[in-house]
Amino acid sequence: MTKREKVLLYASKQAGRCSPYVWSGQGQKVKSLTVCKLAKMENSGANAGRVMEFIYNHKSEITKNSKIFDCSGFVICALQYAGILPKDFDDTANGLMHSKYFVHVDFKDKQPGDLIFKVEGDKAYHVGIVSDAGMVTEAKGRAYGVVENRIDSVWSQCRRPVYT
């Protein structure tokens, strides 16, 4: 299995496992999440409440393999799983966009396994993984978790991992 295939496999598995969005989530198991841990990870009580509501509303779908992610944590875990990023790598969407581990690709030339970004000015504020020509797998937000969506006009930058 190639590194690109490993990235895509990891992404699709997380989208199918009901993996909640939690700020600073980096692949920790949902089952190990406590209210105290969640309160420390999230940036407000309201957002922590939204995560708990998501988990409660999807409790029958959450498995022992469901994990928590924010957008960059999700992408980093997929790339670490494939052996592209070192295990101690940690960064934001913007840091990923400017990282030495990726090369710039024209957005129109994106391919499955590439990273795409939502950018304001020259700063990325969200990242996902292209799953096929018109779809992206992303840790979308507290009301959604990790999902696969159509790529829309808000996505504007693309970077390709160095798949060697």
Protein backbone atom coordinates (compact mmCIF):
# COMPACT_ATOMS: atom_id res chain seq x y z
CA MET A 1 0.00 0.00 0.00
CA THR A 2 1.41 3.40 -0.95
CA LYS A 3 1.65 6.32 1.47
CA ARG A 4 -1.05 8.15 -0.49
CA GLU A 5 -3.35 5.13 -0.15
CA LYS A 6 -2.64 5.00 3.60
CA VAL A 7 -3.62 8.67 3.99
CA LEU A 8 -6.86 8.09 2.10
CA LEU A 9 -7.63 4.92 4.05
CA TYR A 10 -7.10 6.65 7.39
CA ALA A 11 -9.27 9.59 6.35
CA SER A 12 -12.14 7.43 5.12
CA LYS A 13 -12.08 5.28 8.27
CA GLN A 14 -12.36 8.32 10.53
CA ALA A 15 -15.25 9.73 8.52
CA GLY A 16 -17.02 6.41 9.00
CA ARG A 17 -16.36 6.12 12.73
CA CYS A 18 -18.32 9.10 14.01
CA SER A 19 -15.20 10.97 15.14
CA PRO A 20 -16.13 14.22 16.95
CA TYR A 21 -14.48 17.60 16.40
CA VAL A 22 -12.71 18.82 19.55
CA TRP A 23 -10.33 21.76 19.57
CA SER A 24 -6.77 20.44 19.96
CA GLY A 25 -7.97 16.88 19.35
CA GLN A 26 -5.18 14.78 17.90
CA GLY A 27 -6.61 11.31 17.65
CA GLN A 28 -7.38 10.60 21.30
CA LYS A 29 -10.05 7.92 21.74
CA VAL A 30 -13.55 9.25 22.39
CA LYS A 31 -14.04 6.63 25.10
CA SER A 32 -11.13 8.15 27.09
CA LEU A 33 -12.61 11.66 26.98
CA THR A 34 -13.86 12.95 30.30
CA VAL A 35 -15.72 16.17 30.99
CA CYS A 36 -12.61 17.54 32.75
CA LYS A 37 -10.34 16.71 29.79
CA LEU A 38 -12.84 18.21 27.38
CA ALA A 39 -13.08 21.42 29.42
CA LYS A 40 -9.28 21.79 29.25
CA MET A 41 -9.15 21.15 25.51
CA GLU A 42 -12.00 23.37 24.36
CA ASN A 43 -11.89 27.17 24.22
CA SER A 44 -15.26 27.73 25.92
CA GLY A 45 -17.87 25.99 28.00
CA ALA A 46 -20.37 26.47 25.18
CA ASN A 47 -18.14 24.62 22.71
CA ALA A 48 -17.50 21.84 25.23
CA GLY A 49 -21.27 21.55 25.58
CA ARG A 50 -21.66 21.28 21.79
CA VAL A 51 -19.14 18.43 21.73
CA MET A 52 -20.97 16.62 24.54
CA GLU A 53 -24.25 17.11 22.66
CA PHE A 54 -22.70 15.64 19.49
CA ILE A 55 -21.40 12.63 21.43
CA TYR A 56 -24.76 12.12 23.14
CA ASN A 57 -26.70 12.41 19.87
CA HIS A 58 -24.38 9.91 18.15
CA LYS A 59 -23.71 7.53 21.05
CA SER A 60 -25.04 4.54 19.12
CA GLU A 61 -22.63 5.29 16.22
CA ILE A 62 -19.50 5.89 18.30
CA THR A 63 -17.25 2.84 18.41
CA LYS A 64 -14.24 1.88 20.49
CA ASN A 65 -12.14 3.18 17.56
CA SER A 66 -13.82 6.62 17.33
CA LYS A 67 -11.31 9.40 17.90
CA ILE A 68 -11.45 13.14 18.49
CA PHE A 69 -9.84 15.67 16.16
CA ASP A 70 -9.63 19.30 15.21
CA CYS A 71 -8.94 19.95 11.52
CA SER A 72 -5.15 20.01 11.69
CA GLY A 73 -5.01 17.16 14.22
CA PHE A 74 -7.03 14.99 11.84
CA VAL A 75 -4.76 15.73 8.87
CA ILE A 76 -1.59 15.30 10.93
CA CYS A 77 -2.75 11.90 12.27
CA ALA A 78 -3.50 10.70 8.73
CA LEU A 79 -0.05 11.81 7.55
CA GLN A 80 1.67 10.26 10.58
CA TYR A 81 -0.21 7.00 9.97
CA ALA A 82 1.23 6.97 6.45
CA GLY A 83 4.75 7.75 7.68
CA ILE A 84 4.91 11.18 6.05
CA LEU A 85 5.15 13.30 9.20
CA PRO A 86 7.21 12.53 12.31
CA LYS A 87 5.25 11.29 15.34
CA ASP A 88 6.04 14.46 17.33
CA PHE A 89 4.82 16.83 14.58
CA ASP A 90 2.15 19.27 15.76
CA ASP A 91 0.94 22.40 13.99
CA THR A 92 -2.06 24.43 12.89
CA ALA A 93 -3.73 24.54 9.49
CA ASN A 94 -1.60 27.56 8.66
CA GLY A 95 1.56 25.79 9.79
CA LEU A 96 0.71 22.82 7.60
CA MET A 97 0.19 25.08 4.59
CA HIS A 98 3.69 26.53 5.03
CA SER A 99 5.45 23.32 6.11
CA LYS A 100 8.52 21.93 4.37
CA TYR A 101 6.77 18.55 4.12
CA PHE A 102 4.47 19.78 1.34
CA VAL A 103 4.80 21.35 -2.08
CA HIS A 104 2.46 23.94 -3.58
CA VAL A 105 0.06 22.62 -6.21
CA ASP A 106 -2.30 24.69 -8.35
CA PHE A 107 -5.76 24.19 -6.91
CA LYS A 108 -7.12 23.00 -10.26
CA ASP A 109 -4.49 20.21 -10.25
CA LYS A 110 -5.46 18.74 -6.86
CA GLN A 111 -5.50 14.95 -6.51
CA PRO A 112 -6.72 12.48 -3.89
CA GLY A 113 -4.39 12.63 -0.89
CA ASP A 114 -3.56 16.33 -1.34
CA LEU A 115 -4.27 18.83 1.42
CA ILE A 116 -6.60 21.72 0.70
CA PHE A 117 -7.02 24.85 2.76
CA LYS A 118 -9.49 27.58 3.50
CA VAL A 119 -7.48 30.80 3.54
CA GLU A 120 -8.17 34.35 4.63
CA GLY A 121 -5.55 36.80 3.41
CA ASP A 122 -2.45 34.62 3.36
CA LYS A 123 -3.35 32.63 6.50
CA ALA A 124 -4.98 29.17 6.42
CA TYR A 125 -7.69 28.65 9.02
CA HIS A 126 -8.92 25.18 7.98
CA VAL A 127 -7.49 22.09 6.28
CA GLY A 128 -8.83 18.85 4.80
CA ILE A 129 -7.73 15.93 2.64
CA VAL A 130 -8.92 15.56 -0.96
CA SER A 131 -10.65 12.18 -1.09
CA ASP A 132 -11.42 12.25 -4.80
CA ALA A 133 -11.77 14.86 -7.55
CA GLY A 134 -14.71 16.69 -6.01
CA MET A 135 -14.70 15.64 -2.35
CA VAL A 136 -12.80 16.52 0.82
CA THR A 137 -12.59 14.66 4.14
CA GLU A 138 -12.32 17.11 7.02
CA ALA A 139 -12.86 17.56 10.74
CA LYS A 140 -15.58 20.08 9.97
CA GLY A 141 -16.82 21.34 13.32
CA ARG A 142 -18.45 20.43 16.59
CA ALA A 143 -21.86 19.79 15.04
CA TYR A 144 -20.41 17.52 12.33
CA GLY A 145 -17.21 15.75 13.37
CA VAL A 146 -15.10 14.15 10.64
CA VAL A 147 -17.09 14.06 7.41
CA GLU A 148 -16.71 13.88 3.66
CA ASN A 149 -18.11 16.90 1.78
CA ARG A 150 -18.13 18.37 -1.70
CA ILE A 151 -15.28 20.78 -2.34
CA ASP A 152 -16.80 24.24 -2.67
CA SER A 153 -15.43 27.67 -3.56
CA VAL A 154 -14.29 28.43 0.01
CA TRP A 155 -11.34 26.04 -0.43
CA SER A 156 -8.58 27.87 -2.28
CA GLN A 157 -5.09 26.49 -1.67
CA CYS A 158 -3.57 23.07 -2.25
CA ARG A 159 -0.42 21.36 -1.00
CA ARG A 160 0.86 17.92 -1.85
CA PRO A 161 2.68 15.77 0.69
CA VAL A 162 6.03 14.52 -0.48
CA TYR A 163 5.02 10.89 -1.17
CA THR A 164 8.43 9.21 -1.37
